Amino acid sequence: MLRVLRQSIASAAAALVAAVLSLSVANAQHASDSTPLRSWDEALGDQTAVWKQSEWQDFAALGYAKSKRSDAAALQRLPQPLPAVDGINGKIAGFGGGTSHTGDFYGASGSLAVPIAQQWGAQIDGGVGSLDSSGWSRGAGHVFWRDPSIGLVGAYGSYFHWNGIGALTTPRIGVNVSRFAAEGEYYWSRWTVRGLAGYETAHLNVPNVANLPGLLSVPNRFFDSVSASYYVTDNFKLSIGHLYTIGRHGLKLGSEYGFALGGGRMAALFAQGLIGEGGDNAVLGGLRIYFGQHDKTLIDRNRQDDPEEPEQTSVNPTVVAANRVQLISNPALECSFNYSSCQ
C-alpha cells in the first residue's frame, strides 16, 4: 500500500515538472514568434515610408518636368512682338509750295524700307525737285531697331545738294548739306513723339571772285528736328514740332489724311508749314502713295512699315530758304538775292 502511494506521488511530480517545462517552452516560442512579427511591422512600415518617399520624388520630378514644359508652352503662347518692318514696303510723294524769301518750289520723293532681322530694319530715301528754278536733290539712309508697340531707335544720315542761284552781278552759289544723327520714336496710345538730333555740315560752292569765299561761310553745328503727332482717327494725323538748322529755329506744323486703295496701298493728302526765325516761312501740300504687304491704317503704316522721313518734304526746301537768308552776310549780296530788299 505504501509502495503504491509512493509511485502515485512520483508520477504526479513528474507530470507537474513536464507541465512546467512545457509551459516554459511555449512561452519561449511565443516570445520568439512575436519578435519577428514586430520586426516585420517595422520593416513593412519602413518599406512603406521608402515607397511613399520615392513616389513623392517621382511625383515631384514629374511635376517639375511638366512645369518646365508648361512654362515653355506658355512662353510660346505669349504674344510675340511685331517685326521692325512688315516686309518690303515704301512710299512716293509729289508736292509743291512756296516760301517767303524765294519763289515757288516743287519736287518728288520716295522711300524704300526692308527688314534686316526680327526687330531690325533699314530704309533709304531720295528726292529731286526745283527751288527758285534751280534743281535740288537729296539722299538719306536709316538703320534702326523697332518694336511697333513701343518705339524706334536708330542712326540716320543724309546729303542734300541745291544748285543755287545767281544774280546780274553775282555768280551762282550752290549749297551742300550733310547730316549725321540719332533718331528715335516713342509710341503711346494715339501719340507718337519723334526726335532727330545730330551734327550738320554745310558747304557753299562759292566762285573765287569778288572775295565771295571770305564773305559767305556757314559753320558746322548741332541740329535737331522734333515733333509730336496725334492721330485724331486711325487715318488722320496732326503734328507740331521744332526745327533748328543752319543756326535758326522754326515751328513745324503738319497734317495727313489717308484713305485705303486696296492691295496693300494707301493714298494720303498732306500739308506742312514752317514758321521760321527771321521770317523764313514756308508752306506746301502734296499727295503720298504708300505700298505695303497688307492693307493698314495710317497709324499702323507709320509704326509698322517705313518710318517717317524727316526731310523728304518740308525740311528740304525750307532749309534751303533759310540757307539763302543765313548765307548772305553782305548787304549788297542780300540785295542781289532778295530783290525786294533793294527797293
Foldseek 3Di string as FASTA:
>chain_A
DVVVVVVVVVVVVVVVVVVVVVVVVVVVVVVVVVVVVVVVVVVVVVVVVVVVVVVVVVVVVVVVVVVVVVVVVVVVVPDDFAFQAAAKKKKKKWKWWQKDQFGIKIKMKMKIKHGDDRFKIKMKIKMWIDTNNWIKIKIKMWIWGAGLVFKIKTKMKMKIKIQADAFPPADGKIKIKIWIWIKMWTDDPQKIKIKTKGKMDMDIPHDPPPVLVVQFDQHIDIWMKIKMWGAPDLFKIWMWIWTADSRKIKIKTKIKGWDDPDPQKIKIKMKMWICIPPRLIMIMIIMMMIHDRGDDGPSCCCRHHDHDDPCRPDNVVSVVSVCLVSRRPDVVRNCRSRVVVVD
